[in-house]
Amino acid sequence: MGLFSRRKATGTELSGLGSSMIALPCEAGSVVPAGCTLVLGSADGQTRRVAAAKVVLGQGERAWCFHAGPYTLDLQPFAAAPEWGLRLRVLVDAADPRVSQQRFDLFLQSEVAQPLSGAALCSALQGAVQSALALGTLELPPCTTVEEWHAFRAGLNQLMYTRYGLTVDDCVPVDLAPQADYAAMLRNRALAPVAAPVPLIIAPPVPQPQAGAVAYVAQDDAAGLRRLFIELPALCSALRLLELPAGVSSFEAHQAVLLRLGMATLNASSMPSLGWATPDQPLPVLQQQRRIAHTLLAVQALDQAWAVLARMQLARSSEWLALLDETARICANLETGLAGRRQPYPPVEEAA
């Protein structure tokens, strides 16, 4: 082996799967541990599960190895009440022969570039639940009744399945006060140094999909565009397969949403480079920041679309038209983000 050659992962290095680690990217020649599943992903976003003891990669392919679990995760559904939590017991769904691509495999291909630990998955699930509660696709009111809890559990199960390909085996409320001291969090926040003000940009307003974000990096843009390129076709396919409730005249609205998502898919797959305004003119760094912010705005709309899709799969006829209206709003935000990402911004003088 050469001095600077990259060392391949071995079965020993993958042995943490099923405990602290849920999924790991692996290289050609890696040994698949017993009880784990190998997923291969192609450059065009397609994935497949392979029963093999050793990783063999084709041209442009990537590989992940995961253990189905189960895993116990503690989530904080309300950011303003971190001492109140939900303890979830989740496991990765088995392969469904009715679909061409498993949802958890799509999650690996689209969002997992680094080892996926239990803490990282917990953070992702927590963000999805908090967003769904804020959006209204999940409801968990104070003094929840038994019927409301069952409705929440059904929505949570569907969200985890639709968004991540996970099955929720159990979900119970837990007291996280010993590990989540809200008063201490507020004191530390008050004592934290104040961040420097962001330089003023004389240009159209910049969307801020991430609260408190003052700077982005090129990896944010690349990861966001990759998610849009891979996930939008899958989202369109899932929305197209929805069965419209009987007695609801929503066919035209449904088709209009599908058309808008199809155009957004085409738009995302033909984005210009981040660093160039034109083929012969570099784009200033401040304008690159604006482009990245628009990419993240589109990704935020994508996440909301998955949450609404999960709600649609359980919706009653009386809810269907309102959910289509919500989908139209999300499409508008998605189109705004993609249009802003594509916009050829005029040159501006960068602030010192």
Foldseek 3Di string as FASTA:
>chain_A
DDPPDDDFAEPVNVVCAQPFFFKFWGDFFYFADPQKWKKKAAPQQFIDIDPDGTDDDDPRITMMIGHFYFDWAWAQLDPLCNQKTKIWGKGADDDDPVDRGAQQSSCCSQPNPGTHTPVNVRVVLNVLSNVLCVVVLADDDPPDDPVNVVVNVLLSQLLCCLNNRMGTPDMDMDGNCVPCPPVVVVVVVVPDDDDDDADDDPDPDAAAPDPPDRFDDVVLLVSLLSNLLNCLVVLLVLLVPDDQDPPAPCPVLSVVLSVLSVVLNVLSVDADDLQALDPVHGADPVLSRSLSSLSVQLSVLVSVSSSLSSSSNVDDNVCNVVSSVVSVVSSVSNVRSSCSNRDSDDHDDDDD
